[in-house]
Amino acid sequence: MGIYIFSWPVLRDALIAKKDQSGLDFGMHILPYCREGGKRLFAYE
């Protein structure tokens, strides 16, 4: 739904790590980065 809750340290670190990515997008870049980094991602139905 394009609605996300991030724990603040996780969001901040991901944004800084990917800041040079062209057209930085949550669905395309930030969420995959968090998952590949071993973060806990859950779906709220």
PDB file of all heavy atoms in Angstrom:
ATOM      1  N   MET A   1       0.815  -1.214   0.000  1.00  0.00           N
ATOM      2  CA  MET A   1       0.000   0.000   0.000  1.00  0.00           C
ATOM      3  C   MET A   1       0.851   1.268   0.000  1.00  0.00           C
ATOM      4  O   MET A   1       0.310   2.380   0.007  1.00  0.00           O
ATOM      5  CB  MET A   1      -0.917  -0.003   1.223  1.00  0.00           C
ATOM      6  CG  MET A   1      -1.909  -1.156   1.257  1.00  0.00           C
ATOM      7  SD  MET A   1      -2.758  -1.319   2.850  1.00  0.00           S
ATOM      8  CE  MET A   1      -3.709   0.212   2.884  1.00  0.00           C
ATOM      9  N   GLY A   2       2.169   1.117   0.010  1.00  0.00           N
ATOM     10  CA  GLY A   2       3.038   2.296   0.065  1.00  0.00           C
ATOM     11  C   GLY A   2       3.032   2.973   1.424  1.00  0.00           C
ATOM     12  O   GLY A   2       3.316   4.161   1.543  1.00  0.00           O
ATOM     13  N   ILE A   3       2.703   2.204   2.481  1.00  0.00           N
ATOM     14  CA  ILE A   3       2.699   2.693   3.861  1.00  0.00           C
ATOM     15  C   ILE A   3       3.728   1.869   4.636  1.00  0.00           C
ATOM     16  O   ILE A   3       3.627   0.644   4.683  1.00  0.00           O
ATOM     17  CB  ILE A   3       1.307   2.556   4.501  1.00  0.00           C
ATOM     18  CG1 ILE A   3       0.269   3.369   3.710  1.00  0.00           C
ATOM     19  CG2 ILE A   3       1.325   2.980   5.970  1.00  0.00           C
ATOM     20  CD1 ILE A   3      -1.172   3.089   4.108  1.00  0.00           C
ATOM     21  N   TYR A   4       4.720   2.549   5.218  1.00  0.00           N
ATOM     22  CA  TYR A   4       5.815   1.839   5.879  1.00  0.00           C
ATOM     23  C   TYR A   4       6.057   2.404   7.276  1.00  0.00           C
ATOM     24  O   TYR A   4       5.976   3.619   7.486  1.00  0.00           O
ATOM     25  CB  TYR A   4       7.127   1.993   5.089  1.00  0.00           C
ATOM     26  CG  TYR A   4       7.011   1.817   3.599  1.00  0.00           C
ATOM     27  CD1 TYR A   4       7.168   2.901   2.728  1.00  0.00           C
ATOM     28  CD2 TYR A   4       6.758   0.574   3.042  1.00  0.00           C
ATOM     29  CE1 TYR A   4       7.071   2.752   1.361  1.00  0.00           C
ATOM     30  CE2 TYR A   4       6.663   0.409   1.667  1.00  0.00           C
ATOM     31  CZ  TYR A   4       6.817   1.508   0.830  1.00  0.00           C
ATOM     32  OH  TYR A   4       6.726   1.356  -0.533  1.00  0.00           O
ATOM     33  N   ILE A   5       6.376   1.531   8.223  1.00  0.00           N
ATOM     34  CA  ILE A   5       6.948   1.957   9.497  1.00  0.00           C
ATOM     35  C   ILE A   5       8.383   1.434   9.569  1.00  0.00           C
ATOM     36  O   ILE A   5       8.613   0.233   9.431  1.00  0.00           O
ATOM     37  CB  ILE A   5       6.137   1.444  10.707  1.00  0.00           C
ATOM     38  CG1 ILE A   5       4.768   2.134  10.761  1.00  0.00           C
ATOM     39  CG2 ILE A   5       6.898   1.718  12.006  1.00  0.00           C
ATOM     40  CD1 ILE A   5       3.879   1.664  11.905  1.00  0.00           C
ATOM     41  N   PHE A   6       9.323   2.349   9.750  1.00  0.00           N
ATOM     42  CA  PHE A   6      10.738   2.007   9.917  1.00  0.00           C
ATOM     43  C   PHE A   6      11.173   2.291  11.348  1.00  0.00           C
ATOM     44  O   PHE A   6      10.798   3.330  11.918  1.00  0.00           O
ATOM     45  CB  PHE A   6      11.628   2.864   9.004  1.00  0.00           C
ATOM     46  CG  PHE A   6      11.631   2.467   7.557  1.00  0.00           C
ATOM     47  CD1 PHE A   6      10.643   2.913   6.694  1.00  0.00           C
ATOM     48  CD2 PHE A   6      12.649   1.678   7.036  1.00  0.00           C
ATOM     49  CE1 PHE A   6      10.652   2.567   5.347  1.00  0.00           C
ATOM     50  CE2 PHE A   6      12.672   1.330   5.690  1.00  0.00           C
ATOM     51  CZ  PHE A   6      11.679   1.775   4.854  1.00  0.00           C
ATOM     52  N   SER A   7      11.936   1.407  11.922  1.00  0.00           N
ATOM     53  CA  SER A   7      12.695   1.785  13.102  1.00  0.00           C
ATOM     54  C   SER A   7      13.721   2.828  12.658  1.00  0.00           C
ATOM     55  O   SER A   7      14.408   2.627  11.638  1.00  0.00           O
ATOM     56  CB  SER A   7      13.369   0.564  13.716  1.00  0.00           C
ATOM     57  OG  SER A   7      12.362  -0.339  14.195  1.00  0.00           O
ATOM     58  N   TRP A   8      13.806   3.923  13.384  1.00  0.00           N
ATOM     59  CA  TRP A   8      14.550   5.081  12.915  1.00  0.00           C
ATOM     60  C   TRP A   8      16.023   4.777  12.556  1.00  0.00           C
ATOM     61  O   TRP A   8      16.476   5.172  11.478  1.00  0.00           O
ATOM     62  CB  TRP A   8      14.441   6.206  13.946  1.00  0.00           C
ATOM     63  CG  TRP A   8      15.379   7.366  13.760  1.00  0.00           C
ATOM     64  CD1 TRP A   8      16.229   7.875  14.699  1.00  0.00           C
ATOM     65  CD2 TRP A   8      15.537   8.190  12.606  1.00  0.00           C
ATOM     66  NE1 TRP A   8      16.911   8.939  14.201  1.00  0.00           N
ATOM     67  CE2 TRP A   8      16.518   9.155  12.900  1.00  0.00           C
ATOM     68  CE3 TRP A   8      14.961   8.189  11.332  1.00  0.00           C
ATOM     69  CZ2 TRP A   8      16.921  10.119  11.998  1.00  0.00           C
ATOM     70  CZ3 TRP A   8      15.373   9.154  10.423  1.00  0.00           C
ATOM     71  CH2 TRP A   8      16.338  10.100  10.750  1.00  0.00           C
ATOM     72  N   PRO A   9      16.783   4.057  13.360  1.00  0.00           N
ATOM     73  CA  PRO A   9      18.181   3.801  12.968  1.00  0.00           C
ATOM     74  C   PRO A   9      18.292   3.054  11.638  1.00  0.00           C
ATOM     75  O   PRO A   9      19.204   3.314  10.854  1.00  0.00           O
ATOM     76  CB  PRO A   9      18.727   2.958  14.134  1.00  0.00           C
ATOM     77  CG  PRO A   9      17.818   3.257  15.284  1.00  0.00           C
ATOM     78  CD  PRO A   9      16.471   3.475  14.687  1.00  0.00           C
ATOM     79  N   VAL A  10      17.353   2.142  11.382  1.00  0.00           N
ATOM     80  CA  VAL A  10      17.369   1.362  10.139  1.00  0.00           C
ATOM     81  C   VAL A  10      17.109   2.269   8.942  1.00  0.00           C
ATOM     82  O   VAL A  10      17.787   2.191   7.915  1.00  0.00           O
ATOM     83  CB  VAL A  10      16.330   0.222  10.205  1.00  0.00           C
ATOM     84  CG1 VAL A  10      16.210  -0.495   8.862  1.00  0.00           C
ATOM     85  CG2 VAL A  10      16.700  -0.753  11.318  1.00  0.00           C
ATOM     86  N   LEU A  11      16.111   3.138   9.060  1.00  0.00           N
ATOM     87  CA  LEU A  11      15.793   4.057   7.973  1.00  0.00           C
ATOM     88  C   LEU A  11      16.959   5.004   7.708  1.00  0.00           C
ATOM     89  O   LEU A  11      17.366   5.196   6.552  1.00  0.00           O
ATOM     90  CB  LEU A  11      14.534   4.859   8.314  1.00  0.00           C
ATOM     91  CG  LEU A  11      14.138   5.936   7.290  1.00  0.00           C
ATOM     92  CD1 LEU A  11      13.818   5.335   5.934  1.00  0.00           C
ATOM     93  CD2 LEU A  11      12.956   6.778   7.789  1.00  0.00           C
ATOM     94  N   ARG A  12      17.486   5.599   8.759  1.00  0.00           N
ATOM     95  CA  ARG A  12      18.580   6.564   8.592  1.00  0.00           C
ATOM     96  C   ARG A  12      19.784   5.917   7.920  1.00  0.00           C
ATOM     97  O   ARG A  12      20.342   6.473   6.951  1.00  0.00           O
ATOM     98  CB  ARG A  12      18.967   7.127   9.953  1.00  0.00           C
ATOM     99  CG  ARG A  12      20.091   8.188   9.905  1.00  0.00           C
ATOM    100  CD  ARG A  12      20.410   8.659  11.336  1.00  0.00           C
ATOM    101  NE  ARG A  12      20.772   7.521  12.169  1.00  0.00           N
ATOM    102  CZ  ARG A  12      20.573   7.439  13.464  1.00  0.00           C
ATOM    103  NH1 ARG A  12      20.024   8.428  14.101  1.00  0.00           N
ATOM    104  NH2 ARG A  12      20.925   6.353  14.151  1.00  0.00           N
ATOM    105  N   ASP A  13      20.163   4.741   8.373  1.00  0.00           N
ATOM    106  CA  ASP A  13      21.336   4.073   7.810  1.00  0.00           C
ATOM    107  C   ASP A  13      21.113   3.705   6.337  1.00  0.00           C
ATOM    108  O   ASP A  13      22.012   3.867   5.511  1.00  0.00           O
ATOM    109  CB  ASP A  13      21.668   2.810   8.618  1.00  0.00           C
ATOM    110  CG  ASP A  13      22.130   3.132  10.033  1.00  0.00           C
ATOM    111  OD1 ASP A  13      22.370   4.336  10.332  1.00  0.00           O
ATOM    112  OD2 ASP A  13      22.229   2.195  10.860  1.00  0.00           O
ATOM    113  N   ALA A  14      19.911   3.248   6.010  1.00  0.00           N
ATOM    114  CA  ALA A  14      19.614   2.859   4.625  1.00  0.00           C
ATOM    115  C   ALA A  14      19.633   4.070   3.704  1.00  0.00           C
ATOM    116  O   ALA A  14      20.166   4.009   2.582  1.00  0.00           O
ATOM    117  CB  ALA A  14      18.263   2.152   4.553  1.00  0.00           C
ATOM    118  N   LEU A  15      19.050   5.177   4.149  1.00  0.00           N
ATOM    119  CA  LEU A  15      19.026   6.393   3.329  1.00  0.00           C
ATOM    120  C   LEU A  15      20.437   6.908   3.069  1.00  0.00           C
ATOM    121  O   LEU A  15      20.765   7.314   1.954  1.00  0.00           O
ATOM    122  CB  LEU A  15      18.190   7.478   4.013  1.00  0.00           C
ATOM    123  CG  LEU A  15      16.676   7.239   4.071  1.00  0.00           C
ATOM    124  CD1 LEU A  15      16.010   8.299   4.952  1.00  0.00           C
ATOM    125  CD2 LEU A  15      16.041   7.248   2.687  1.00  0.00           C
ATOM    126  N   ILE A  16      21.276   6.898   4.085  1.00  0.00           N
ATOM    127  CA  ILE A  16      22.657   7.389   3.928  1.00  0.00           C
ATOM    128  C   ILE A  16      23.451   6.445   3.024  1.00  0.00           C
ATOM    129  O   ILE A  16      24.204   6.886   2.150  1.00  0.00           O
ATOM    130  CB  ILE A  16      23.323   7.551   5.311  1.00  0.00           C
ATOM    131  CG1 ILE A  16      22.639   8.698   6.073  1.00  0.00           C
ATOM    132  CG2 ILE A  16      24.815   7.813   5.172  1.00  0.00           C
ATOM    133  CD1 ILE A  16      23.053   8.815   7.532  1.00  0.00           C
ATOM    134  N   ALA A  17      23.250   5.148   3.193  1.00  0.00           N
ATOM    135  CA  ALA A  17      23.988   4.169   2.386  1.00  0.00           C
ATOM    136  C   ALA A  17      23.630   4.265   0.905  1.00  0.00           C
ATOM    137  O   ALA A  17      24.474   4.052   0.030  1.00  0.00           O
ATOM    138  CB  ALA A  17      23.718   2.756   2.899  1.00  0.00           C
ATOM    139  N   LYS A  18      22.388   4.579   0.590  1.00  0.00           N
ATOM    140  CA  LYS A  18      21.908   4.582  -0.800  1.00  0.00           C
ATOM    141  C   LYS A  18      21.717   5.994  -1.355  1.00  0.00           C
ATOM    142  O   LYS A  18      21.103   6.170  -2.420  1.00  0.00           O
ATOM    143  CB  LYS A  18      20.585   3.821  -0.882  1.00  0.00           C
ATOM    144  CG  LYS A  18      20.633   2.361  -0.422  1.00  0.00           C
ATOM    145  CD  LYS A  18      21.510   1.489  -1.298  1.00  0.00           C
ATOM    146  CE  LYS A  18      20.873   1.247  -2.660  1.00  0.00           C
ATOM    147  NZ  LYS A  18      21.687   0.333  -3.470  1.00  0.00           N
ATOM    148  N   LYS A  19      22.242   7.012  -0.679  1.00  0.00           N
ATOM    149  CA  LYS A  19      21.931   8.399  -1.022  1.00  0.00           C
ATOM    150  C   LYS A  19      22.330   8.792  -2.437  1.00  0.00           C
ATOM    151  O   LYS A  19      21.734   9.691  -3.038  1.00  0.00           O
ATOM    152  CB  LYS A  19      22.578   9.347  -0.024  1.00  0.00           C
ATOM    153  CG  LYS A  19      24.107   9.341   0.001  1.00  0.00           C
ATOM    154  CD  LYS A  19      24.614  10.319   1.067  1.00  0.00           C
ATOM    155  CE  LYS A  19      26.097  10.294   1.266  1.00  0.00           C
ATOM    156  NZ  LYS A  19      26.939  10.321   0.295  1.00  0.00           N
ATOM    157  N   ASP A  20      23.337   8.114  -3.015  1.00  0.00           N
ATOM    158  CA  ASP A  20      23.798   8.475  -4.361  1.00  0.00           C
ATOM    159  C   ASP A  20      23.042   7.735  -5.465  1.00  0.00           C
ATOM    160  O   ASP A  20      23.323   7.937  -6.647  1.00  0.00           O
ATOM    161  CB  ASP A  20      25.309   8.206  -4.487  1.00  0.00           C
ATOM    162  CG  ASP A  20      26.122   9.093  -3.555  1.00  0.00           C
ATOM    163  OD1 ASP A  20      25.712  10.265  -3.348  1.00  0.00           O
ATOM    164  OD2 ASP A  20      27.143   8.625  -3.014  1.00  0.00           O
ATOM    165  N   GLN A  21      22.113   6.889  -5.078  1.00  0.00           N
ATOM    166  CA  GLN A  21      21.312   6.143  -6.046  1.00  0.00           C
ATOM    167  C   GLN A  21      20.391   7.101  -6.815  1.00  0.00           C
ATOM    168  O   GLN A  21      19.648   7.892  -6.225  1.00  0.00           O
ATOM    169  CB  GLN A  21      20.479   5.080  -5.332  1.00  0.00           C
ATOM    170  CG  GLN A  21      19.462   4.349  -6.211  1.00  0.00           C
ATOM    171  CD  GLN A  21      20.113   3.430  -7.216  1.00  0.00           C
ATOM    172  OE1 GLN A  21      20.925   2.602  -6.871  1.00  0.00           O
ATOM    173  NE2 GLN A  21      19.739   3.566  -8.498  1.00  0.00           N
ATOM    174  N   SER A  22      20.439   7.048  -8.125  1.00  0.00           N
ATOM    175  CA  SER A  22      19.576   7.909  -8.936  1.00  0.00           C
ATOM    176  C   SER A  22      18.110   7.525  -8.745  1.00  0.00           C
ATOM    177  O   SER A  22      17.752   6.348  -8.793  1.00  0.00           O
ATOM    178  CB  SER A  22      19.974   7.771 -10.410  1.00  0.00           C
ATOM    179  OG  SER A  22      19.097   8.489 -11.227  1.00  0.00           O
ATOM    180  N   GLY A  23      17.242   8.535  -8.518  1.00  0.00           N
ATOM    181  CA  GLY A  23      15.808   8.282  -8.351  1.00  0.00           C
ATOM    182  C   GLY A  23      15.510   7.380  -7.177  1.00  0.00           C
ATOM    183  O   GLY A  23      14.651   6.485  -7.262  1.00  0.00           O
ATOM    184  N   LEU A  24      16.180   7.611  -6.049  1.00  0.00           N
ATOM    185  CA  LEU A  24      16.099   6.734  -4.879  1.00  0.00           C
ATOM    186  C   LEU A  24      14.642   6.509  -4.464  1.00  0.00           C
ATOM    187  O   LEU A  24      13.923   7.451  -4.136  1.00  0.00           O
ATOM    188  CB  LEU A  24      16.908   7.332  -3.732  1.00  0.00           C
ATOM    189  CG  LEU A  24      17.042   6.499  -2.453  1.00  0.00           C
ATOM    190  CD1 LEU A  24      17.723   5.172  -2.741  1.00  0.00           C
ATOM    191  CD2 LEU A  24      17.814   7.279  -1.382  1.00  0.00           C
ATOM    192  N   ASP A  25      14.236   5.230  -4.451  1.00  0.00           N
ATOM    193  CA  ASP A  25      12.836   4.859  -4.239  1.00  0.00           C
ATOM    194  C   ASP A  25      12.749   3.781  -3.155  1.00  0.00           C
ATOM    195  O   ASP A  25      13.636   2.939  -3.039  1.00  0.00           O
ATOM    196  CB  ASP A  25      12.260   4.333  -5.563  1.00  0.00           C
ATOM    197  CG  ASP A  25      10.811   3.926  -5.457  1.00  0.00           C
ATOM    198  OD1 ASP A  25       9.933   4.794  -5.535  1.00  0.00           O
ATOM    199  OD2 ASP A  25      10.557   2.720  -5.272  1.00  0.00           O
ATOM    200  N   PHE A  26      11.676   3.817  -2.366  1.00  0.00           N
ATOM    201  CA  PHE A  26      11.524   2.823  -1.308  1.00  0.00           C
ATOM    202  C   PHE A  26      11.371   1.419  -1.873  1.00  0.00           C
ATOM    203  O   PHE A  26      12.079   0.488  -1.496  1.00  0.00           O
ATOM    204  CB  PHE A  26      10.336   3.173  -0.402  1.00  0.00           C
ATOM    205  CG  PHE A  26      10.680   4.215   0.622  1.00  0.00           C
ATOM    206  CD1 PHE A  26      10.286   5.525   0.447  1.00  0.00           C
ATOM    207  CD2 PHE A  26      11.426   3.889   1.741  1.00  0.00           C
ATOM    208  CE1 PHE A  26      10.613   6.505   1.374  1.00  0.00           C
ATOM    209  CE2 PHE A  26      11.756   4.856   2.679  1.00  0.00           C
ATOM    210  CZ  PHE A  26      11.353   6.165   2.493  1.00  0.00           C
ATOM    211  N   GLY A  27      10.401   1.244  -2.779  1.00  0.00           N
ATOM    212  CA  GLY A  27      10.132  -0.083  -3.315  1.00  0.00           C
ATOM    213  C   GLY A  27      11.275  -0.667  -4.120  1.00  0.00           C
ATOM    214  O   GLY A  27      11.557  -1.870  -4.051  1.00  0.00           O
ATOM    215  N   MET A  28      11.958   0.175  -4.859  1.00  0.00           N
ATOM    216  CA  MET A  28      13.020  -0.298  -5.762  1.00  0.00           C
ATOM    217  C   MET A  28      14.368  -0.454  -5.065  1.00  0.00           C
ATOM    218  O   MET A  28      15.169  -1.318  -5.435  1.00  0.00           O
ATOM    219  CB  MET A  28      13.166   0.678  -6.932  1.00  0.00           C
ATOM    220  CG  MET A  28      11.945   0.778  -7.831  1.00  0.00           C
ATOM    221  SD  MET A  28      11.673  -0.669  -8.831  1.00  0.00           S
ATOM    222  CE  MET A  28      13.020  -0.493  -9.995  1.00  0.00           C
ATOM    223  N   HIS A  29      14.637   0.403  -4.074  1.00  0.00           N
ATOM    224  CA  HIS A  29      15.998   0.454  -3.533  1.00  0.00           C
ATOM    225  C   HIS A  29      16.089   0.229  -2.023  1.00  0.00           C
ATOM    226  O   HIS A  29      16.862  -0.621  -1.574  1.00  0.00           O
ATOM    227  CB  HIS A  29      16.640   1.819  -3.885  1.00  0.00           C
ATOM    228  CG  HIS A  29      16.604   2.123  -5.340  1.00  0.00           C
ATOM    229  ND1 HIS A  29      15.877   3.187  -5.861  1.00  0.00           N
ATOM    230  CD2 HIS A  29      17.164   1.502  -6.414  1.00  0.00           C
ATOM    231  CE1 HIS A  29      16.008   3.227  -7.179  1.00  0.00           C
ATOM    232  NE2 HIS A  29      16.763   2.190  -7.545  1.00  0.00           N
ATOM    233  N   ILE A  30      15.329   0.983  -1.232  1.00  0.00           N
ATOM    234  CA  ILE A  30      15.496   0.938   0.223  1.00  0.00           C
ATOM    235  C   ILE A  30      15.045  -0.398   0.809  1.00  0.00           C
ATOM    236  O   ILE A  30      15.754  -1.022   1.608  1.00  0.00           O
ATOM    237  CB  ILE A  30      14.750   2.112   0.905  1.00  0.00           C
ATOM    238  CG1 ILE A  30      15.345   3.454   0.454  1.00  0.00           C
ATOM    239  CG2 ILE A  30      14.799   1.983   2.427  1.00  0.00           C
ATOM    240  CD1 ILE A  30      16.784   3.666   0.843  1.00  0.00           C
ATOM    241  N   LEU A  31      13.857  -0.870   0.429  1.00  0.00           N
ATOM    242  CA  LEU A  31      13.356  -2.125   0.992  1.00  0.00           C
ATOM    243  C   LEU A  31      14.245  -3.315   0.612  1.00  0.00           C
ATOM    244  O   LEU A  31      14.606  -4.115   1.489  1.00  0.00           O
ATOM    245  CB  LEU A  31      11.905  -2.354   0.570  1.00  0.00           C
ATOM    246  CG  LEU A  31      10.898  -1.309   1.095  1.00  0.00           C
ATOM    247  CD1 LEU A  31       9.504  -1.602   0.553  1.00  0.00           C
ATOM    248  CD2 LEU A  31      10.864  -1.271   2.622  1.00  0.00           C
ATOM    249  N   PRO A  32      14.632  -3.465  -0.690  1.00  0.00           N
ATOM    250  CA  PRO A  32      15.561  -4.552  -1.015  1.00  0.00           C
ATOM    251  C   PRO A  32      16.885  -4.439  -0.250  1.00  0.00           C
ATOM    252  O   PRO A  32      17.441  -5.454   0.174  1.00  0.00           O
ATOM    253  CB  PRO A  32      15.774  -4.401  -2.533  1.00  0.00           C
ATOM    254  CG  PRO A  32      14.529  -3.718  -3.012  1.00  0.00           C
ATOM    255  CD  PRO A  32      14.143  -2.788  -1.914  1.00  0.00           C
ATOM    256  N   TYR A  33      17.391  -3.204  -0.080  1.00  0.00           N
ATOM    257  CA  TYR A  33      18.639  -3.008   0.666  1.00  0.00           C
ATOM    258  C   TYR A  33      18.489  -3.520   2.105  1.00  0.00           C
ATOM    259  O   TYR A  33      19.380  -4.200   2.635  1.00  0.00           O
ATOM    260  CB  TYR A  33      19.020  -1.527   0.668  1.00  0.00           C
ATOM    261  CG  TYR A  33      20.207  -1.203   1.543  1.00  0.00           C
ATOM    262  CD1 TYR A  33      21.513  -1.382   1.099  1.00  0.00           C
ATOM    263  CD2 TYR A  33      20.022  -0.715   2.847  1.00  0.00           C
ATOM    264  CE1 TYR A  33      22.604  -1.099   1.915  1.00  0.00           C
ATOM    265  CE2 TYR A  33      21.096  -0.414   3.663  1.00  0.00           C
ATOM    266  CZ  TYR A  33      22.378  -0.617   3.202  1.00  0.00           C
ATOM    267  OH  TYR A  33      23.440  -0.336   4.025  1.00  0.00           O
ATOM    268  N   CYS A  34      17.370  -3.194   2.745  1.00  0.00           N
ATOM    269  CA  CYS A  34      17.143  -3.640   4.128  1.00  0.00           C
ATOM    270  C   CYS A  34      17.049  -5.166   4.203  1.00  0.00           C
ATOM    271  O   CYS A  34      17.617  -5.798   5.106  1.00  0.00           O
ATOM    272  CB  CYS A  34      15.873  -3.000   4.685  1.00  0.00           C
ATOM    273  SG  CYS A  34      16.008  -1.213   4.962  1.00  0.00           S
ATOM    274  N   ARG A  35      16.351  -5.755   3.257  1.00  0.00           N
ATOM    275  CA  ARG A  35      16.192  -7.214   3.268  1.00  0.00           C
ATOM    276  C   ARG A  35      17.529  -7.905   3.029  1.00  0.00           C
ATOM    277  O   ARG A  35      17.870  -8.875   3.720  1.00  0.00           O
ATOM    278  CB  ARG A  35      15.172  -7.633   2.209  1.00  0.00           C
ATOM    279  CG  ARG A  35      14.900  -9.132   2.196  1.00  0.00           C
ATOM    280  CD  ARG A  35      13.716  -9.497   1.336  1.00  0.00           C
ATOM    281  NE  ARG A  35      13.637 -10.947   1.193  1.00  0.00           N
ATOM    282  CZ  ARG A  35      14.176 -11.626   0.200  1.00  0.00           C
ATOM    283  NH1 ARG A  35      14.786 -10.990  -0.774  1.00  0.00           N
ATOM    284  NH2 ARG A  35      14.091 -12.946   0.140  1.00  0.00           N
ATOM    285  N   GLU A  36      18.275  -7.415   2.053  1.00  0.00           N
ATOM    286  CA  GLU A  36      19.591  -8.016   1.755  1.00  0.00           C
ATOM    287  C   GLU A  36      20.551  -7.835   2.929  1.00  0.00           C
ATOM    288  O   GLU A  36      21.469  -8.639   3.103  1.00  0.00           O
ATOM    289  CB  GLU A  36      20.166  -7.392   0.474  1.00  0.00           C
ATOM    290  CG  GLU A  36      19.421  -7.818  -0.793  1.00  0.00           C
ATOM    291  CD  GLU A  36      19.645  -6.851  -1.954  1.00  0.00           C
ATOM    292  OE1 GLU A  36      20.540  -5.974  -1.830  1.00  0.00           O
ATOM    293  OE2 GLU A  36      18.924  -6.961  -2.970  1.00  0.00           O
ATOM    294  N   GLY A  37      20.329  -6.796   3.743  1.00  0.00           N
ATOM    295  CA  GLY A  37      21.182  -6.558   4.902  1.00  0.00           C
ATOM    296  C   GLY A  37      20.764  -7.344   6.137  1.00  0.00           C
ATOM    297  O   GLY A  37      21.305  -7.126   7.234  1.00  0.00           O
ATOM    298  N   GLY A  38      19.790  -8.247   5.965  1.00  0.00           N
ATOM    299  CA  GLY A  38      19.378  -9.117   7.061  1.00  0.00           C
ATOM    300  C   GLY A  38      18.419  -8.492   8.055  1.00  0.00           C
ATOM    301  O   GLY A  38      18.221  -9.023   9.155  1.00  0.00           O
ATOM    302  N   LYS A  39      17.773  -7.372   7.690  1.00  0.00           N
ATOM    303  CA  LYS A  39      16.815  -6.744   8.596  1.00  0.00           C
ATOM    304  C   LYS A  39      15.506  -7.541   8.630  1.00  0.00           C
ATOM    305  O   LYS A  39      15.183  -8.276   7.698  1.00  0.00           O
ATOM    306  CB  LYS A  39      16.533  -5.295   8.163  1.00  0.00           C
ATOM    307  CG  LYS A  39      17.777  -4.403   8.081  1.00  0.00           C
ATOM    308  CD  LYS A  39      18.494  -4.315   9.412  1.00  0.00           C
ATOM    309  CE  LYS A  39      19.720  -3.380   9.296  1.00  0.00           C
ATOM    310  NZ  LYS A  39      20.521  -3.431  10.552  1.00  0.00           N
ATOM    311  N   ARG A  40      14.770  -7.366   9.718  1.00  0.00           N
ATOM    312  CA  ARG A  40      13.489  -8.053   9.878  1.00  0.00           C
ATOM    313  C   ARG A  40      12.388  -7.222   9.221  1.00  0.00           C
ATOM    314  O   ARG A  40      12.088  -6.108   9.669  1.00  0.00           O
ATOM    315  CB  ARG A  40      13.194  -8.273  11.353  1.00  0.00           C
ATOM    316  CG  ARG A  40      14.116  -9.295  12.016  1.00  0.00           C
ATOM    317  CD  ARG A  40      13.871  -9.348  13.525  1.00  0.00           C
ATOM    318  NE  ARG A  40      12.527  -9.756  13.912  1.00  0.00           N
ATOM    319  CZ  ARG A  40      12.087 -10.995  13.977  1.00  0.00           C
ATOM    320  NH1 ARG A  40      12.908 -11.998  13.665  1.00  0.00           N
ATOM    321  NH2 ARG A  40      10.843 -11.266  14.356  1.00  0.00           N
ATOM    322  N   LEU A  41      11.785  -7.767   8.173  1.00  0.00           N
ATOM    323  CA  LEU A  41      10.715  -7.093   7.443  1.00  0.00           C
ATOM    324  C   LEU A  41       9.432  -7.894   7.589  1.00  0.00           C
ATOM    325  O   LEU A  41       9.416  -9.100   7.341  1.00  0.00           O
ATOM    326  CB  LEU A  41      11.067  -6.943   5.949  1.00  0.00           C
ATOM    327  CG  LEU A  41      11.980  -5.768   5.557  1.00  0.00           C
ATOM    328  CD1 LEU A  41      13.395  -6.006   6.027  1.00  0.00           C
ATOM    329  CD2 LEU A  41      11.977  -5.572   4.043  1.00  0.00           C
ATOM    330  N   PHE A  42       8.361  -7.207   7.964  1.00  0.00           N
ATOM    331  CA  PHE A  42       7.080  -7.868   8.160  1.00  0.00           C
ATOM    332  C   PHE A  42       5.978  -7.169   7.363  1.00  0.00           C
ATOM    333  O   PHE A  42       6.032  -5.958   7.125  1.00  0.00           O
ATOM    334  CB  PHE A  42       6.703  -7.898   9.641  1.00  0.00           C
ATOM    335  CG  PHE A  42       7.404  -8.993  10.415  1.00  0.00           C
ATOM    336  CD1 PHE A  42       8.722  -8.840  10.809  1.00  0.00           C
ATOM    337  CD2 PHE A  42       6.753 -10.183  10.714  1.00  0.00           C
ATOM    338  CE1 PHE A  42       9.376  -9.851  11.507  1.00  0.00           C
ATOM    339  CE2 PHE A  42       7.395 -11.190  11.408  1.00  0.00           C
ATOM    340  CZ  PHE A  42       8.702 -11.034  11.809  1.00  0.00           C
ATOM    341  N   ALA A  43       4.976  -7.981   6.976  1.00  0.00           N
ATOM    342  CA  ALA A  43       3.808  -7.469   6.255  1.00  0.00           C
ATOM    343  C   ALA A  43       2.636  -7.339   7.219  1.00  0.00           C
ATOM    344  O   ALA A  43       2.265  -8.308   7.888  1.00  0.00           O
ATOM    345  CB  ALA A  43       3.444  -8.407   5.106  1.00  0.00           C
ATOM    346  N   TYR A  44       2.069  -6.138   7.286  1.00  0.00           N
ATOM    347  CA  TYR A  44       0.893  -5.874   8.122  1.00  0.00           C
ATOM    348  C   TYR A  44      -0.328  -5.849   7.215  1.00  0.00           C
ATOM    349  O   TYR A  44      -0.479  -4.962   6.373  1.00  0.00           O
ATOM    350  CB  TYR A  44       1.061  -4.538   8.851  1.00  0.00           C
ATOM    351  CG  TYR A  44      -0.193  -4.056   9.567  1.00  0.00           C
ATOM    352  CD1 TYR A  44      -0.603  -4.652  10.753  1.00  0.00           C
ATOM    353  CD2 TYR A  44      -0.948  -3.003   9.052  1.00  0.00           C
ATOM    354  CE1 TYR A  44      -1.747  -4.214  11.415  1.00  0.00           C
ATOM    355  CE2 TYR A  44      -2.082  -2.553   9.704  1.00  0.00           C
ATOM    356  CZ  TYR A  44      -2.484  -3.168  10.878  1.00  0.00           C
ATOM    357  OH  TYR A  44      -3.624  -2.737  11.515  1.00  0.00           O
ATOM    358  N   GLU A  45      -1.208  -6.845   7.366  1.00  0.00           N
ATOM    359  CA  GLU A  45      -2.351  -6.966   6.465  1.00  0.00           C
ATOM    360  C   GLU A  45      -3.497  -6.048   6.896  1.00  0.00           C
ATOM    361  O   GLU A  45      -3.951  -6.098   8.033  1.00  0.00           O
ATOM    362  CB  GLU A  45      -2.825  -8.417   6.396  1.00  0.00           C
ATOM    363  CG  GLU A  45      -3.866  -8.658   5.300  1.00  0.00           C
ATOM    364  CD  GLU A  45      -4.160 -10.123   5.058  1.00  0.00           C
ATOM    365  OE1 GLU A  45      -3.230 -10.966   5.176  1.00  0.00           O
ATOM    366  OE2 GLU A  45      -5.334 -10.451   4.762  1.00  0.00           O
TER     367      GLU A  45
END
